[in-house]
Amino acid sequence: MKQKFVMGLMLLSVLLLSSCQKDTWRQGTLDYKFTPTTSRTGYFEERQVAYPEDISITGYANQINDFSFLGSVVEVTGDLVAGDVIRGLVIDIDGLEPYTFSNIPVYKNGEVITIADSRNNVAFYNFMMNAFNHMRNTGKQDIIVSAYLQDRYGYAVPGARVEVNIYNDLDVNVND
């Protein structure tokens, strides 16, 4: 009789404790900030590795269960001068075909240029959707951003800091 009582009490406590955790969907972000400096040839490249644990969520959660891609925006800024051109900007995520942008002209000194917004660029949306599906399957994103910075005459701009920011919005399923 005591054994049944103890077993019943243990079962009841397991059920009560497991029902305390609730799965909910929350807003989340996983943003990347690349700040390379151009070489003497104007070339810049920087690499980062991101994991699902790097996702920022609103509020507290015990664990991230899953995530769903919503959208991305890519911005470029830095030591850019009117007349400069960023040539051949590539976002290369291991396991996917690289995404290459057209030449990016700079019209004002130090301006922030939005070069992609997945809300109005289906190809970029699909690329980033695939990137987050790949992250879900492999547990990481290995990302390289690279390009050349040239002045208005086509000459390399050495020693310039170029900032490439990729802002990603996600729906994140978490255990509270």
Protein backbone atom coordinates (compact mmCIF):
# COMPACT_ATOMS: atom_id res chain seq x y z
CA MET A 1 0.00 0.00 0.00
CA LYS A 2 2.83 2.41 0.88
CA GLN A 3 4.51 1.66 -2.45
CA LYS A 4 1.35 2.53 -4.40
CA PHE A 5 0.98 5.74 -2.42
CA VAL A 6 4.63 6.74 -3.06
CA MET A 7 4.35 5.83 -6.77
CA GLY A 8 1.12 7.81 -7.07
CA LEU A 9 2.70 10.80 -5.35
CA MET A 10 5.71 10.64 -7.68
CA LEU A 11 3.48 10.40 -10.75
CA LEU A 12 1.39 13.33 -9.57
CA SER A 13 4.48 15.48 -8.94
CA VAL A 14 5.89 14.64 -12.39
CA LEU A 15 2.61 15.61 -14.04
CA LEU A 16 2.35 18.84 -12.07
CA LEU A 17 5.94 19.85 -12.72
CA SER A 18 5.80 19.04 -16.43
CA SER A 19 2.60 21.02 -16.87
CA CYS A 20 4.29 24.12 -15.42
CA GLN A 21 6.31 24.58 -18.58
CA LYS A 22 4.34 26.12 -21.37
CA ASP A 23 5.34 26.51 -25.00
CA THR A 24 4.73 30.00 -26.40
CA TRP A 25 5.74 31.93 -29.48
CA ARG A 26 7.63 35.18 -28.95
CA GLN A 27 9.29 37.78 -31.12
CA GLY A 28 13.00 37.33 -31.55
CA THR A 29 15.97 38.68 -33.46
CA LEU A 30 19.31 37.37 -34.63
CA ASP A 31 21.32 40.31 -35.91
CA TYR A 32 24.81 40.25 -37.42
CA LYS A 33 27.24 43.15 -37.37
CA PHE A 34 30.33 42.90 -39.54
CA THR A 35 32.95 45.69 -39.26
CA PRO A 36 35.93 44.77 -41.43
CA THR A 37 38.62 47.18 -42.61
CA THR A 38 39.57 47.27 -46.28
CA SER A 39 42.97 45.98 -47.38
CA ARG A 40 45.32 47.92 -49.66
CA THR A 41 43.34 46.50 -52.61
CA GLY A 42 40.04 47.73 -51.15
CA TYR A 43 38.96 44.18 -50.33
CA PHE A 44 37.19 43.42 -47.08
CA GLU A 45 35.95 40.19 -45.57
CA GLU A 46 34.68 39.10 -42.19
CA ARG A 47 33.30 35.83 -40.86
CA GLN A 48 30.92 35.00 -38.01
CA VAL A 49 29.29 31.85 -36.73
CA ALA A 50 25.83 32.09 -35.17
CA TYR A 51 23.87 29.49 -33.22
CA PRO A 52 20.19 29.24 -32.22
CA GLU A 53 21.29 30.10 -28.66
CA ASP A 54 22.32 33.53 -30.00
CA ILE A 55 18.70 34.41 -30.80
CA SER A 56 17.48 37.31 -28.64
CA ILE A 57 13.89 36.98 -27.47
CA THR A 58 11.51 39.33 -25.72
CA GLY A 59 11.05 38.26 -22.13
CA TYR A 60 12.43 35.26 -20.27
CA ALA A 61 12.48 31.66 -21.49
CA ASN A 62 14.03 28.43 -20.26
CA GLN A 63 14.70 27.03 -23.70
CA ILE A 64 14.31 27.80 -27.40
CA ASN A 65 12.39 24.96 -29.08
CA ASP A 66 12.07 26.25 -32.62
CA PHE A 67 12.15 29.42 -34.68
CA SER A 68 10.52 30.71 -37.82
CA PHE A 69 12.01 33.32 -40.17
CA LEU A 70 9.97 36.49 -40.69
CA GLY A 71 12.23 38.95 -42.49
CA SER A 72 15.65 40.57 -42.93
CA VAL A 73 17.13 43.95 -43.74
CA VAL A 74 20.74 44.56 -44.80
CA GLU A 75 22.36 47.94 -44.23
CA VAL A 76 25.84 49.22 -45.10
CA THR A 77 27.62 52.18 -43.53
CA GLY A 78 31.08 53.09 -42.25
CA ASP A 79 33.90 55.25 -43.58
CA LEU A 80 32.08 55.72 -46.86
CA VAL A 81 32.52 58.87 -48.95
CA ALA A 82 30.22 60.23 -51.65
CA GLY A 83 31.28 58.65 -54.94
CA ASP A 84 32.56 55.41 -53.41
CA VAL A 85 31.18 52.13 -54.75
CA ILE A 86 30.94 48.81 -52.95
CA ARG A 87 31.51 46.21 -55.65
CA GLY A 88 30.55 42.55 -55.50
CA LEU A 89 29.14 42.41 -51.96
CA VAL A 90 28.51 38.75 -51.15
CA ILE A 91 26.79 37.08 -48.21
CA ASP A 92 28.12 33.54 -48.17
CA ILE A 93 26.48 31.09 -45.75
CA ASP A 94 28.10 27.67 -45.57
CA GLY A 95 25.82 25.10 -47.18
CA LEU A 96 23.98 27.59 -49.43
CA GLU A 97 24.67 29.31 -52.72
CA PRO A 98 26.13 32.78 -51.96
CA TYR A 99 23.90 35.83 -52.36
CA THR A 100 25.56 38.59 -54.43
CA PHE A 101 24.40 42.21 -54.55
CA SER A 102 24.70 44.64 -57.45
CA ASN A 103 27.22 47.47 -57.11
CA ILE A 104 26.25 49.77 -54.26
CA PRO A 105 26.91 53.48 -54.92
CA VAL A 106 27.46 55.90 -52.03
CA TYR A 107 25.73 59.28 -52.47
CA LYS A 108 26.50 60.98 -49.12
CA ASN A 109 29.45 60.80 -46.73
CA GLY A 110 28.82 58.31 -43.92
CA GLU A 111 25.30 57.47 -45.04
CA VAL A 112 23.46 54.32 -43.98
CA ILE A 113 22.40 52.47 -47.13
CA THR A 114 19.64 49.86 -47.03
CA ILE A 115 20.68 47.42 -49.73
CA ALA A 116 18.11 44.66 -49.15
CA ASP A 117 14.76 44.29 -47.44
CA SER A 118 13.13 40.88 -47.65
CA ARG A 119 9.67 42.51 -47.62
CA ASN A 120 10.20 43.71 -51.19
CA ASN A 121 12.91 41.36 -52.49
CA VAL A 122 11.65 37.81 -52.99
CA ALA A 123 15.06 36.39 -53.94
CA PHE A 124 16.65 37.78 -50.78
CA TYR A 125 13.70 36.59 -48.67
CA ASN A 126 14.11 33.06 -50.05
CA PHE A 127 17.88 33.16 -49.43
CA MET A 128 17.42 34.14 -45.79
CA MET A 129 14.56 31.66 -45.32
CA ASN A 130 16.91 28.93 -46.58
CA ALA A 131 19.64 30.24 -44.26
CA PHE A 132 17.42 29.86 -41.20
CA ASN A 133 16.14 26.46 -42.33
CA HIS A 134 19.78 25.45 -42.71
CA MET A 135 20.48 26.72 -39.19
CA ARG A 136 17.56 24.69 -37.85
CA ASN A 137 18.95 21.55 -39.55
CA THR A 138 22.66 22.00 -38.74
CA GLY A 139 22.54 24.04 -35.54
CA LYS A 140 24.57 26.97 -36.87
CA GLN A 141 25.12 29.58 -39.56
CA ASP A 142 28.68 30.11 -40.77
CA ILE A 143 28.56 33.49 -42.56
CA ILE A 144 31.17 35.39 -44.58
CA VAL A 145 30.58 38.92 -45.90
CA SER A 146 33.01 40.21 -48.52
CA ALA A 147 33.37 42.90 -51.23
CA TYR A 148 35.63 45.62 -52.64
CA LEU A 149 35.44 49.33 -51.85
CA GLN A 150 36.49 51.66 -54.65
CA ASP A 151 36.44 55.41 -55.06
CA ARG A 152 34.61 57.31 -57.83
CA TYR A 153 37.55 56.72 -60.21
CA GLY A 154 37.66 52.95 -59.65
CA TYR A 155 40.71 52.98 -57.37
CA ALA A 156 40.89 50.87 -54.22
CA VAL A 157 40.03 52.57 -50.92
CA PRO A 158 42.47 51.08 -48.37
CA GLY A 159 42.08 51.26 -44.60
CA ALA A 160 38.38 52.11 -44.56
CA ARG A 161 36.00 50.58 -42.00
CA VAL A 162 32.93 49.16 -43.70
CA GLU A 163 29.98 48.12 -41.54
CA VAL A 164 27.51 45.54 -42.85
CA ASN A 165 24.51 44.90 -40.59
CA ILE A 166 21.98 42.14 -41.18
CA TYR A 167 18.86 42.48 -39.03
CA ASN A 168 16.72 39.32 -38.81
CA ASP A 169 13.24 39.08 -37.28
CA LEU A 170 12.02 35.68 -36.08
CA ASP A 171 9.12 34.02 -34.37
CA VAL A 172 10.62 31.90 -31.59
CA ASN A 173 8.93 29.01 -29.81
CA VAL A 174 10.16 28.81 -26.22
CA ASN A 175 9.51 26.97 -22.96
CA ASP A 176 8.55 29.44 -20.23
